[in-house]
Amino acid sequence: MMGNIGVGGLILILVVALIVFGPSKLPEIGKAFGSSLREFRNAAKDIVSEDNNNHVKSTNEIKTTIKND
């Protein structure tokens, strides 16, 4: 996602944010954005981990069923 935004695009976004929010609000906004992004990544990691665990359990149940037959 961020790989498609070049250096020029990031500078443009920073300048627009500076104009809209002002220099005093930028650190607060950056901190809030960073913590939100961190929470999103952790939630996504938990979902993937849970899905992988369910897949392993299903695979083990199938193997057990096959061995018992």
Protein backbone atom coordinates (compact mmCIF):
# COMPACT_ATOMS: atom_id res chain seq x y z
CA MET A 1 0.00 0.00 0.00
CA MET A 2 2.57 2.58 1.08
CA GLY A 3 5.01 1.30 -1.56
CA ASN A 4 2.98 3.03 -4.25
CA ILE A 5 3.40 6.46 -2.65
CA GLY A 6 6.69 8.05 -3.60
CA VAL A 7 8.75 10.57 -1.70
CA GLY A 8 7.03 13.42 -3.53
CA GLY A 9 3.62 12.10 -2.53
CA LEU A 10 4.65 11.85 1.12
CA ILE A 11 5.97 15.40 1.07
CA LEU A 12 2.72 16.61 -0.51
CA ILE A 13 0.65 14.83 2.15
CA LEU A 14 2.82 16.31 4.91
CA VAL A 15 2.49 19.84 3.49
CA VAL A 16 -1.31 19.53 3.16
CA ALA A 17 -1.56 18.15 6.71
CA LEU A 18 0.62 21.00 7.96
CA ILE A 19 -1.62 23.57 6.27
CA VAL A 20 -4.89 21.96 7.41
CA PHE A 21 -4.00 21.06 11.01
CA GLY A 22 -1.17 23.42 11.85
CA PRO A 23 2.24 22.61 13.30
CA SER A 24 1.02 22.22 16.88
CA LYS A 25 -1.48 19.43 16.08
CA LEU A 26 0.77 17.39 13.78
CA PRO A 27 2.61 15.43 16.53
CA GLU A 28 -0.71 14.48 18.15
CA ILE A 29 -2.16 13.35 14.82
CA GLY A 30 0.99 11.36 13.99
CA LYS A 31 0.92 9.64 17.37
CA ALA A 32 -2.77 8.78 17.02
CA PHE A 33 -2.23 7.48 13.48
CA GLY A 34 0.71 5.35 14.60
CA SER A 35 -1.17 3.80 17.50
CA SER A 36 -4.20 3.12 15.29
CA LEU A 37 -2.00 1.48 12.69
CA ARG A 38 -0.33 -0.64 15.40
CA GLU A 39 -3.72 -1.77 16.74
CA PHE A 40 -4.88 -2.65 13.24
CA ARG A 41 -1.75 -4.71 12.56
CA ASN A 42 -2.09 -6.56 15.87
CA ALA A 43 -5.75 -7.33 15.17
CA ALA A 44 -4.92 -8.56 11.67
CA LYS A 45 -2.10 -10.71 13.07
CA ASP A 46 -4.49 -12.20 15.65
CA ILE A 47 -7.05 -13.00 12.95
CA VAL A 48 -4.45 -14.70 10.75
CA SER A 49 -3.05 -16.62 13.71
CA GLU A 50 -6.54 -17.77 14.74
CA ASP A 51 -7.28 -18.85 11.17
CA ASN A 52 -4.01 -20.80 11.00
CA ASN A 53 -4.79 -22.50 14.32
CA ASN A 54 -8.24 -23.51 13.06
CA HIS A 55 -6.66 -24.87 9.87
CA VAL A 56 -4.15 -26.96 11.87
CA LYS A 57 -6.93 -28.31 14.10
CA SER A 58 -9.03 -29.25 11.07
CA THR A 59 -6.06 -30.94 9.41
CA ASN A 60 -5.29 -32.90 12.58
CA GLU A 61 -8.93 -34.00 12.88
CA ILE A 62 -8.88 -35.21 9.27
CA LYS A 63 -5.65 -37.12 9.84
CA THR A 64 -7.10 -38.72 12.99
CA THR A 65 -10.26 -39.73 11.12
CA ILE A 66 -8.24 -41.25 8.29
CA LYS A 67 -6.02 -43.21 10.73
CA ASN A 68 -9.07 -44.57 12.59
CA ASP A 69 -10.77 -45.80 9.41
